[in-house]
């Protein structure tokens, strides 16, 4: 089972561990460059230091064998001027890559492919198609919803919501629905107005 952990002092630093077969796992950390620069040594040494700063992660990996070179990548989001044009439509991460904290990539890829396939079929059949409205604007509804949660995660607002001791069942259900991929369900008020509702909820949880 995928596990995500948060640094005990830095809310914008998070870890993942993904188990594979035969006892192997993928592990990693996402952190601001300025924080990474405070840790001396190689990429592996810095990763080990950061792992040691999260007690649960440190215990879990106490006897781990580090047998794979540690790699780094800078920058984790990107977008384009247009998601479509004459003869093409960009799908999934090719059009919009968000931070992977909520694993939205597969959801966006499947949604964009489904919408593009339907529009292409209609266009090839001679029907009028508005790619700007029915493809790009429609996709950005869900992408912008995911982005609101990614931004709130890194500034600490969403973490206050996730870790709050009293969570109304209906609110929890609506938020879990988004993270499960239903980011285009406009009947969900946290999809229809994600930024404002997250702000209000975060203020209530902080209080």
Foldseek 3Di string as FASTA:
>chain_A
DKDKDAQPPALQKIKIWADDPPGDIDIDMDDDPVVLVVQDDDPVSSGLVSLVRHVVSCVVCVPPDDDDDDDDDPDFWDADPDQDDVPDGHAFVRHITDHCPLPCRVLRRVVLVVQVVVQVVCVVVPHDDDCVVSHVVLSVLLVVLVVLLVVCSNVVLVVLQVPQPDDPPVVVVLVVCSSVRPLNPCVRVCSVDVNVVSVVSSVVSVD
